Amino acid sequence: MPGVPRRDIAAWLRRTAVPIEAVDAGRRTGDLAALRSMLDGVRVVGLGEVTHGTKEFYQYKNRLLRHLVSELGFTIVAIEGSYSSAQVVDDYVANGVGDRSAVLAEFGHHAMWDVEEFGAALDWLRAHNQSVPDSAKVRFHGLNMWHTRVGRACVLAYLRRVAPRRLPAVRRLFDAVAWGEGRGMLPAHQRLDGESFQSVRELADFLSSDRERLIAMTSPAEYDDVVRQVAIIRQWIACNLSTALPPGEFAAPVPPVEGLNIFARSTYIGRNLIDVMERAESGAKALIWAHSLHVGVGFVDEVHGQTPNMGSYLRARLGDAYYAIAMETERGTYLTREFLPDQTLGDHRIGVISPAPAGTLAWYLAAAESERFLLDLRRFAPDQAAARWLAEPRVMHCAGWGLSDPPLTTTMRLGEAYDGLIFMRETAATTPTGNALKAVSQRAVH
């Protein structure tokens, strides 16, 4: 790929980037001082990662999380994980309920979240919350619409009390949802159809039309929780039916895709974050832990070109109060799971990132000859060479929770998609917990 000479970008990076003193949390915090000016006026920070399952990414996110909470007043942690199952995690970090092993097992996704490095972040949040008043506690939210088991159980229990005659139809719908989730999500569309979507829409309409009666029978908090759980289940069904539903169903005009629609899922994640912010205390600030393709402002797909995503949705709603950060690596390994022939998930695997090819984003970043650094793309004016480089399309890594060999990549313009960047030259895989190893050996599907 033609572009700016590598030596020019290396020189600019050496002048501009902030060296990272340490990856894991500790006493050294000098390099984090730059965050105060970087994030001035920012309400939501999107912390991306170009691979799930990377040890140094998780460790550094934990370090940043601690600083954003302790020094900059962030009180919301929202991640690319199950909305309904995250309620168990929130109870653990906010109220000290349960033990970490059980919480991670319930939260699921044994290659993404059921790992020691993420567990360490939860333990710090729990300890922090025990030292502050309730009004200052950090709350934990999942933004994803998959793994709805906890939400489905909540809705059924509610209907059993307020509208038992609706249970048979809702159970049939939820059985279809459970079938797909029980096979690792990708085949879900095989059991969902227009009738499924009509059923969940009718359930939502019932809750809306009988609002006052239902609140009188239960409570406003119970009612609101059930309404949100149904909305999340509706999102999950819609994400698997994007070729059959009108564009107005989605949070943004996403391209139709057969099966699980990643574009629809990403924009819904953004909408769910806004819902969390609107229900929080005025002025609350949030950190998002997600993949870089969700965090960046817009996503470039080989087939559909520039498409909306979580980052573009948040930029449209929040403007410069949203700050998107990518994390990139030049080489290393990451934890993932293999895909079996039936599209379900198999054993843990270690994905390998080979040294970056010439012309890629990581190849340029490695030229700075720094093991790790933080780059603010908003407040450091680029020179002529850097401005051109930031505007050019560039290949970056884009691996997920399923094994791809070689790792997936995407193409983006760094200066358009992100406000900041964190580079780790060499990385390693996260450490699955004992429970995750056992669950995967038993073919747990998430």
Protein backbone atom coordinates (compact mmCIF):
# COMPACT_ATOMS: atom_id res chain seq x y z
CA MET A 1 0.00 0.00 0.00
CA PRO A 2 1.60 3.36 -0.99
CA GLY A 3 1.86 5.93 1.73
CA VAL A 4 3.95 8.19 3.90
CA PRO A 5 7.57 7.11 4.52
CA ARG A 6 7.77 5.00 7.67
CA ARG A 7 10.68 7.01 9.08
CA ASP A 8 8.57 10.20 9.03
CA ILE A 9 5.81 8.58 11.08
CA ALA A 10 8.35 7.03 13.43
CA ALA A 11 9.82 10.46 14.10
CA TRP A 12 6.36 11.98 14.67
CA LEU A 13 5.39 9.18 17.07
CA ARG A 14 8.58 9.62 19.07
CA ARG A 15 7.79 13.34 19.44
CA THR A 16 4.11 12.94 20.18
CA ALA A 17 3.27 9.64 21.90
CA VAL A 18 3.31 9.19 25.67
CA PRO A 19 5.39 6.15 26.72
CA ILE A 20 3.40 3.74 28.91
CA GLU A 21 5.32 3.09 32.13
CA ALA A 22 3.56 -0.16 33.02
CA VAL A 23 0.86 -2.42 31.62
CA ASP A 24 -0.55 -3.75 34.87
CA ALA A 25 -1.81 -1.68 37.78
CA GLY A 26 0.69 -0.50 40.35
CA ARG A 27 2.18 2.58 41.94
CA ARG A 28 3.55 4.07 38.73
CA THR A 29 0.99 6.56 37.41
CA GLY A 30 3.04 9.32 35.78
CA ASP A 31 2.06 8.36 32.25
CA LEU A 32 -1.63 8.44 33.20
CA ALA A 33 -1.48 12.14 33.98
CA ALA A 34 -2.00 12.86 30.27
CA LEU A 35 -5.52 11.43 30.52
CA ARG A 36 -6.83 14.42 32.43
CA SER A 37 -6.32 16.81 29.51
CA MET A 38 -7.13 14.17 26.89
CA LEU A 39 -10.52 13.46 28.44
CA ASP A 40 -11.48 16.98 29.46
CA GLY A 41 -15.20 17.34 28.71
CA VAL A 42 -15.57 13.65 27.82
CA ARG A 43 -18.50 11.67 29.27
CA VAL A 44 -17.95 8.33 27.53
CA VAL A 45 -14.61 6.67 26.76
CA GLY A 46 -14.65 3.74 24.36
CA LEU A 47 -11.71 1.43 25.10
CA GLY A 48 -11.30 -0.81 22.07
CA GLU A 49 -9.17 -3.88 21.47
CA VAL A 50 -8.26 -5.38 18.10
CA THR A 51 -8.25 -8.87 19.61
CA HIS A 52 -10.35 -10.28 22.40
CA GLY A 53 -8.33 -12.47 24.74
CA THR A 54 -5.14 -10.39 24.86
CA LYS A 55 -3.46 -10.31 28.28
CA GLU A 56 -1.81 -6.90 28.01
CA PHE A 57 -4.98 -5.26 26.66
CA TYR A 58 -6.99 -6.53 29.63
CA GLN A 59 -4.30 -5.60 32.13
CA TYR A 60 -3.97 -2.08 30.78
CA LYS A 61 -7.74 -1.62 30.62
CA ASN A 62 -7.82 -2.59 34.28
CA ARG A 63 -5.12 0.01 34.97
CA LEU A 64 -7.02 2.68 33.03
CA LEU A 65 -10.29 1.70 34.71
CA ARG A 66 -8.78 2.26 38.14
CA HIS A 67 -7.45 5.67 37.14
CA LEU A 68 -10.67 6.81 35.47
CA VAL A 69 -12.67 5.81 38.53
CA SER A 70 -10.31 7.02 41.24
CA GLU A 71 -9.02 10.21 39.63
CA LEU A 72 -11.54 11.28 36.98
CA GLY A 73 -14.87 10.35 38.55
CA PHE A 74 -16.13 7.64 36.19
CA THR A 75 -18.94 5.62 37.78
CA ILE A 76 -20.15 3.35 34.96
CA VAL A 77 -18.35 0.38 33.43
CA ALA A 78 -20.19 -0.96 30.38
CA ILE A 79 -18.88 -3.86 28.35
CA GLU A 80 -19.52 -5.87 25.20
CA GLY A 81 -21.20 -8.60 27.22
CA SER A 82 -24.67 -9.91 28.02
CA TYR A 83 -27.12 -7.27 29.23
CA SER A 84 -29.14 -9.67 31.34
CA SER A 85 -26.25 -11.69 32.80
CA ALA A 86 -24.38 -8.51 33.70
CA GLN A 87 -26.89 -7.93 36.48
CA VAL A 88 -25.17 -10.75 38.39
CA VAL A 89 -21.81 -9.03 37.87
CA ASP A 90 -23.20 -5.70 39.05
CA ASP A 91 -24.50 -7.33 42.20
CA TYR A 92 -21.01 -8.72 42.79
CA VAL A 93 -19.12 -5.44 42.33
CA ALA A 94 -21.71 -3.08 43.81
CA ASN A 95 -23.16 -5.14 46.65
CA GLY A 96 -20.55 -7.83 47.31
CA VAL A 97 -22.94 -10.67 46.47
CA GLY A 98 -21.52 -14.04 45.37
CA ASP A 99 -18.01 -15.20 44.58
CA ARG A 100 -15.97 -14.37 41.51
CA SER A 101 -15.90 -17.87 40.06
CA ALA A 102 -19.67 -18.23 40.08
CA VAL A 103 -20.16 -14.72 38.76
CA LEU A 104 -17.81 -15.22 35.82
CA ALA A 105 -19.42 -18.58 35.07
CA GLU A 106 -22.87 -16.98 34.93
CA PHE A 107 -21.63 -14.07 32.85
CA GLY A 108 -20.28 -16.60 30.39
CA HIS A 109 -18.20 -16.34 27.24
CA HIS A 110 -15.34 -18.50 28.42
CA ALA A 111 -12.83 -17.07 25.95
CA MET A 112 -13.62 -13.40 26.56
CA TRP A 113 -14.73 -12.75 30.13
CA ASP A 114 -14.13 -15.93 32.14
CA VAL A 115 -10.41 -15.17 32.41
CA GLU A 116 -8.18 -14.21 35.32
CA GLU A 117 -7.30 -10.78 33.94
CA PHE A 118 -10.94 -9.70 33.70
CA GLY A 119 -11.67 -11.21 37.09
CA ALA A 120 -8.95 -8.99 38.57
CA ALA A 121 -10.78 -5.91 37.26
CA LEU A 122 -14.01 -7.07 38.90
CA ASP A 123 -12.22 -7.70 42.20
CA TRP A 124 -10.81 -4.17 42.18
CA LEU A 125 -14.24 -2.70 41.45
CA ARG A 126 -15.74 -4.69 44.31
CA ALA A 127 -13.06 -3.53 46.75
CA HIS A 128 -13.40 0.08 45.59
CA ASN A 129 -17.17 0.05 46.02
CA GLN A 130 -16.79 -1.18 49.59
CA SER A 131 -14.80 1.96 50.39
CA VAL A 132 -17.22 4.59 49.04
CA PRO A 133 -20.83 5.62 49.78
CA ASP A 134 -23.63 4.13 47.70
CA SER A 135 -23.95 7.31 45.64
CA ALA A 136 -20.34 6.97 44.46
CA LYS A 137 -20.35 3.27 43.67
CA VAL A 138 -19.31 2.14 40.20
CA ARG A 139 -22.09 0.23 38.43
CA PHE A 140 -21.52 -2.51 35.90
CA HIS A 141 -23.61 -2.93 32.73
CA GLY A 142 -23.63 -5.31 29.80
CA LEU A 143 -24.61 -3.81 26.45
CA ASN A 144 -24.96 -6.90 24.29
CA MET A 145 -28.24 -8.56 23.38
CA TRP A 146 -26.98 -12.15 23.31
CA HIS A 147 -27.13 -14.70 26.16
CA THR A 148 -30.60 -13.69 27.33
CA ARG A 149 -31.22 -16.63 29.70
CA VAL A 150 -31.41 -14.48 32.84
CA GLY A 151 -33.67 -11.99 31.07
CA ARG A 152 -35.97 -14.69 29.73
CA ALA A 153 -36.35 -16.19 33.21
CA CYS A 154 -37.15 -12.74 34.61
CA VAL A 155 -39.87 -12.13 31.99
CA LEU A 156 -41.48 -15.55 32.51
CA ALA A 157 -41.56 -15.10 36.28
CA TYR A 158 -43.22 -11.71 35.83
CA LEU A 159 -45.84 -13.00 33.41
CA ARG A 160 -46.59 -15.90 35.75
CA ARG A 161 -47.75 -13.29 38.26
CA VAL A 162 -49.48 -10.74 36.04
CA ALA A 163 -50.59 -12.48 32.83
CA PRO A 164 -50.33 -16.29 33.04
CA ARG A 165 -52.44 -16.79 29.91
CA ARG A 166 -49.57 -15.34 27.87
CA LEU A 167 -47.06 -17.90 29.10
CA PRO A 168 -47.54 -20.64 26.46
CA ALA A 169 -46.91 -18.30 23.51
CA VAL A 170 -43.98 -16.59 25.22
CA ARG A 171 -42.44 -19.93 26.18
CA ARG A 172 -42.57 -21.06 22.53
CA LEU A 173 -40.84 -17.85 21.50
CA PHE A 174 -38.19 -18.15 24.21
CA ASP A 175 -37.56 -21.80 23.31
CA ALA A 176 -36.62 -20.67 19.80
CA VAL A 177 -34.31 -18.00 21.22
CA ALA A 178 -32.73 -20.53 23.62
CA TRP A 179 -32.10 -22.98 20.78
CA GLY A 180 -29.89 -20.49 18.95
CA GLU A 181 -28.09 -19.26 22.06
CA GLY A 182 -27.50 -22.87 23.09
CA ARG A 183 -25.55 -23.46 19.88
CA GLY A 184 -23.17 -20.57 20.17
CA MET A 185 -25.32 -17.85 18.58
CA LEU A 186 -24.33 -18.11 14.94
CA PRO A 187 -27.10 -20.58 13.91
CA ALA A 188 -29.83 -18.68 15.81
CA HIS A 189 -31.50 -17.41 12.64
CA GLN A 190 -32.40 -20.99 11.69
CA ARG A 191 -35.14 -21.02 14.35
CA LEU A 192 -36.20 -17.37 14.27
CA ASP A 193 -38.58 -15.93 11.70
CA GLY A 194 -41.16 -13.24 11.11
CA GLU A 195 -43.54 -14.93 13.52
CA SER A 196 -40.87 -14.79 16.23
CA PHE A 197 -40.47 -11.06 15.73
CA GLN A 198 -44.24 -10.54 15.71
CA SER A 199 -44.50 -12.43 19.01
CA VAL A 200 -41.89 -10.35 20.79
CA ARG A 201 -43.42 -7.15 19.41
CA GLU A 202 -46.84 -8.20 20.71
CA LEU A 203 -45.31 -8.87 24.12
CA ALA A 204 -43.74 -5.41 24.16
CA ASP A 205 -47.06 -3.84 23.08
CA PHE A 206 -48.89 -5.65 25.87
CA LEU A 207 -46.46 -4.35 28.48
CA SER A 208 -46.80 -0.83 27.12
CA SER A 209 -50.59 -0.78 26.85
CA ASP A 210 -51.14 -2.25 30.36
CA ARG A 211 -48.41 -0.24 32.02
CA GLU A 212 -50.44 1.31 34.85
CA ARG A 213 -52.18 -1.93 35.79
CA LEU A 214 -48.93 -3.91 35.75
CA ILE A 215 -47.10 -1.36 37.89
CA ALA A 216 -49.97 -1.43 40.39
CA MET A 217 -49.71 -5.24 40.56
CA THR A 218 -45.93 -5.24 41.01
CA SER A 219 -43.71 -2.15 41.24
CA PRO A 220 -42.23 0.48 38.89
CA ALA A 221 -38.76 -1.05 39.24
CA GLU A 222 -39.94 -4.57 38.39
CA TYR A 223 -41.97 -3.32 35.47
CA ASP A 224 -39.12 -1.25 34.04
CA ASP A 225 -36.71 -4.18 34.32
CA VAL A 226 -39.06 -6.51 32.44
CA VAL A 227 -39.66 -3.91 29.71
CA ARG A 228 -35.91 -3.57 29.18
CA GLN A 229 -35.39 -7.33 29.17
CA VAL A 230 -38.04 -7.72 26.47
CA ALA A 231 -36.43 -4.90 24.48
CA ILE A 232 -33.07 -6.73 24.62
CA ILE A 233 -34.66 -10.01 23.48
CA ARG A 234 -36.34 -8.11 20.66
CA GLN A 235 -32.94 -6.73 19.64
CA TRP A 236 -31.49 -10.24 19.58
CA ILE A 237 -34.29 -11.52 17.35
CA ALA A 238 -34.01 -8.49 15.06
CA CYS A 239 -30.24 -8.95 14.71
CA ASN A 240 -30.89 -12.39 13.26
CA LEU A 241 -33.67 -11.24 10.92
CA SER A 242 -32.19 -8.12 9.35
CA THR A 243 -33.02 -9.28 5.81
CA ALA A 244 -36.72 -9.56 6.70
CA LEU A 245 -37.33 -6.48 8.85
CA PRO A 246 -37.85 -2.84 7.83
CA PRO A 247 -34.77 -0.58 8.33
CA GLY A 248 -36.65 1.46 10.92
CA GLU A 249 -36.38 -1.39 13.40
CA PHE A 250 -32.67 -0.77 13.95
CA ALA A 251 -30.80 1.95 15.79
CA ALA A 252 -29.27 3.09 12.48
CA PRO A 253 -29.71 2.23 8.77
CA VAL A 254 -27.64 -0.98 8.74
CA PRO A 255 -27.10 -3.21 5.69
CA PRO A 256 -29.12 -6.45 5.71
CA VAL A 257 -27.06 -9.58 6.40
CA GLU A 258 -28.17 -13.20 6.43
CA GLY A 259 -27.84 -14.60 9.97
CA LEU A 260 -26.31 -12.63 12.84
CA ASN A 261 -25.94 -9.02 11.72
CA ILE A 262 -22.86 -7.53 13.36
CA PHE A 263 -23.74 -4.03 12.15
CA ALA A 264 -27.18 -4.12 13.77
CA ARG A 265 -25.65 -5.58 16.94
CA SER A 266 -23.07 -2.80 17.13
CA THR A 267 -25.58 0.02 16.76
CA TYR A 268 -27.83 -1.60 19.36
CA ILE A 269 -24.88 -1.70 21.75
CA GLY A 270 -24.58 2.06 21.29
CA ARG A 271 -28.28 2.58 21.89
CA ASN A 272 -28.12 0.47 25.04
CA LEU A 273 -25.24 2.58 26.35
CA ILE A 274 -27.27 5.74 25.83
CA ASP A 275 -30.14 4.11 27.73
CA VAL A 276 -27.75 3.38 30.61
CA MET A 277 -26.52 6.99 30.61
CA GLU A 278 -30.04 8.41 30.57
CA ARG A 279 -30.96 6.36 33.64
CA ALA A 280 -27.78 7.29 35.53
CA GLU A 281 -27.13 10.32 37.68
CA SER A 282 -26.82 13.59 35.79
CA GLY A 283 -23.25 14.07 34.62
CA ALA A 284 -22.30 10.40 35.04
CA LYS A 285 -19.29 9.25 33.04
CA ALA A 286 -18.86 5.81 31.48
CA LEU A 287 -16.05 3.57 30.29
CA ILE A 288 -16.89 1.06 27.54
CA TRP A 289 -14.85 -2.15 27.26
CA ALA A 290 -15.39 -3.53 23.74
CA HIS A 291 -13.78 -4.48 20.45
CA SER A 292 -12.19 -1.71 18.41
CA LEU A 293 -14.59 -2.27 15.51
CA HIS A 294 -17.46 -1.26 17.83
CA VAL A 295 -15.60 1.58 19.52
CA GLY A 296 -14.33 3.33 16.37
CA VAL A 297 -16.54 5.88 14.66
CA GLY A 298 -17.88 3.92 11.70
CA PHE A 299 -16.82 0.53 10.42
CA VAL A 300 -15.48 -0.32 6.97
CA ASP A 301 -16.75 -3.64 5.61
CA GLU A 302 -15.32 -5.23 2.48
CA VAL A 303 -18.78 -5.86 1.03
CA HIS A 304 -20.85 -2.94 2.33
CA GLY A 305 -18.20 -0.23 2.67
CA GLN A 306 -18.61 2.35 5.43
CA THR A 307 -21.32 1.19 7.83
CA PRO A 308 -22.74 2.54 11.10
CA ASN A 309 -21.66 1.05 14.41
CA MET A 310 -21.69 1.78 18.12
CA GLY A 311 -19.05 4.48 17.78
CA SER A 312 -20.85 6.38 15.04
CA TYR A 313 -24.11 6.18 17.03
CA LEU A 314 -22.40 7.58 20.14
CA ARG A 315 -20.61 10.31 18.19
CA ALA A 316 -23.95 11.40 16.69
CA ARG A 317 -25.55 11.51 20.14
CA LEU A 318 -22.65 12.82 22.23
CA GLY A 319 -20.38 14.68 19.83
CA ASP A 320 -16.91 15.29 21.29
CA ALA A 321 -18.12 14.03 24.67
CA TYR A 322 -17.39 10.58 23.22
CA TYR A 323 -13.70 9.63 22.98
CA ALA A 324 -12.79 6.46 21.04
CA ILE A 325 -9.51 4.64 21.74
CA ALA A 326 -8.15 1.69 19.74
CA MET A 327 -5.62 -0.84 21.01
CA GLU A 328 -3.24 -2.39 18.47
CA THR A 329 -0.36 -4.86 18.65
CA GLU A 330 2.47 -5.71 16.28
CA ARG A 331 2.76 -9.41 17.13
CA GLY A 332 1.82 -12.00 19.73
CA THR A 333 -0.92 -14.40 20.78
CA TYR A 334 -4.49 -14.21 22.07
CA LEU A 335 -7.07 -16.57 23.60
CA THR A 336 -9.92 -17.68 21.39
CA ARG A 337 -12.12 -20.71 20.61
CA GLU A 338 -12.35 -22.86 17.54
CA PHE A 339 -15.46 -23.05 15.38
CA LEU A 340 -16.79 -26.56 14.84
CA PRO A 341 -18.35 -27.62 11.50
CA ASP A 342 -21.88 -26.97 12.81
CA GLN A 343 -20.90 -23.38 13.75
CA THR A 344 -20.86 -24.12 17.46
CA LEU A 345 -17.79 -23.38 19.59
CA GLY A 346 -15.14 -25.96 20.43
CA ASP A 347 -11.90 -25.94 22.43
CA HIS A 348 -9.83 -22.99 23.52
CA ARG A 349 -7.21 -22.11 20.95
CA ILE A 350 -4.30 -19.68 20.93
CA GLY A 351 -4.49 -17.33 17.97
CA VAL A 352 -1.17 -16.12 16.57
CA ILE A 353 -0.47 -12.63 15.26
CA SER A 354 2.58 -12.74 13.02
CA PRO A 355 4.90 -9.72 12.65
CA ALA A 356 2.98 -6.96 10.91
CA PRO A 357 3.28 -6.76 7.11
CA ALA A 358 4.68 -3.59 5.56
CA GLY A 359 2.20 -0.77 5.19
CA THR A 360 -0.17 -1.89 7.94
CA LEU A 361 -1.01 0.23 10.97
CA ALA A 362 0.99 -1.99 13.33
CA TRP A 363 4.02 -1.90 11.01
CA TYR A 364 4.08 1.90 11.19
CA LEU A 365 3.52 1.96 14.95
CA ALA A 366 6.34 -0.50 15.58
CA ALA A 367 8.75 1.87 13.82
CA ALA A 368 8.64 4.14 16.87
CA GLU A 369 10.81 1.50 18.58
CA SER A 370 8.80 1.80 21.78
CA GLU A 371 7.35 -1.25 23.50
CA ARG A 372 4.14 0.55 24.32
CA PHE A 373 2.71 4.05 24.10
CA LEU A 374 -0.44 6.18 24.25
CA LEU A 375 -1.27 8.53 21.40
CA ASP A 376 -3.81 11.38 21.63
CA LEU A 377 -5.11 12.15 18.15
CA ARG A 378 -7.28 15.08 19.19
CA ARG A 379 -4.95 17.50 20.88
CA PHE A 380 -1.61 16.89 19.21
CA ALA A 381 -1.62 18.62 15.84
CA PRO A 382 -0.02 16.33 13.26
CA ASP A 383 2.70 17.59 10.95
CA GLN A 384 2.14 17.36 7.20
CA ALA A 385 3.34 13.76 6.90
CA ALA A 386 1.36 12.58 9.91
CA ALA A 387 -1.81 14.34 8.73
CA ARG A 388 -1.58 12.52 5.42
CA TRP A 389 -0.87 9.22 7.17
CA LEU A 390 -3.87 9.62 9.49
CA ALA A 391 -6.14 10.22 6.50
CA GLU A 392 -4.96 7.22 4.46
CA PRO A 393 -6.78 3.86 4.62
CA ARG A 394 -4.76 1.48 6.74
CA VAL A 395 -5.09 -2.23 7.62
CA MET A 396 -5.42 -3.04 11.32
CA HIS A 397 -6.08 -6.27 13.19
CA CYS A 398 -9.71 -7.25 13.84
CA ALA A 399 -9.79 -10.67 15.54
CA GLY A 400 -12.71 -11.79 17.69
CA TRP A 401 -13.69 -14.55 20.10
CA GLY A 402 -13.74 -17.23 17.38
CA LEU A 403 -10.50 -18.55 15.87
CA SER A 404 -9.50 -17.24 12.46
CA ASP A 405 -6.22 -18.24 10.87
CA PRO A 406 -4.72 -15.88 9.89
CA PRO A 407 -6.38 -13.35 12.21
CA LEU A 408 -9.02 -11.15 10.61
CA THR A 409 -8.16 -7.59 9.62
CA THR A 410 -10.09 -4.51 8.60
CA THR A 411 -9.25 -1.25 6.85
CA MET A 412 -9.80 2.13 8.46
CA ARG A 413 -8.59 5.72 8.49
CA LEU A 414 -7.11 6.22 11.91
CA GLY A 415 -7.74 9.96 12.06
CA GLU A 416 -11.45 9.52 11.25
CA ALA A 417 -12.24 6.45 13.33
CA TYR A 418 -10.41 7.11 16.60
CA ASP A 419 -9.51 9.90 19.00
CA GLY A 420 -6.68 8.01 20.64
CA LEU A 421 -4.58 4.88 20.25
CA ILE A 422 -2.71 2.52 22.58
CA PHE A 423 0.05 0.37 21.12
CA MET A 424 1.57 -2.74 22.67
CA ARG A 425 4.38 -4.07 20.52
CA GLU A 426 4.17 -7.71 21.68
CA THR A 427 1.27 -9.36 23.47
CA ALA A 428 0.25 -12.71 24.96
CA ALA A 429 -2.98 -14.63 25.56
CA THR A 430 -5.23 -14.11 28.57
CA THR A 431 -5.49 -16.84 31.22
CA PRO A 432 -8.75 -18.83 31.31
CA THR A 433 -10.03 -19.62 34.79
CA GLY A 434 -10.31 -23.19 35.99
CA ASN A 435 -14.06 -22.93 35.53
CA ALA A 436 -13.61 -21.75 31.94
CA LEU A 437 -11.33 -24.69 31.15
CA LYS A 438 -13.89 -27.11 32.58
CA ALA A 439 -16.82 -25.46 30.83
CA VAL A 440 -15.11 -25.46 27.45
CA SER A 441 -14.06 -29.10 27.84
CA GLN A 442 -17.74 -29.85 28.35
CA ARG A 443 -18.55 -27.83 25.21
CA ALA A 444 -20.23 -24.90 26.93
CA VAL A 445 -21.47 -22.71 24.11
CA HIS A 446 -20.53 -19.28 25.41
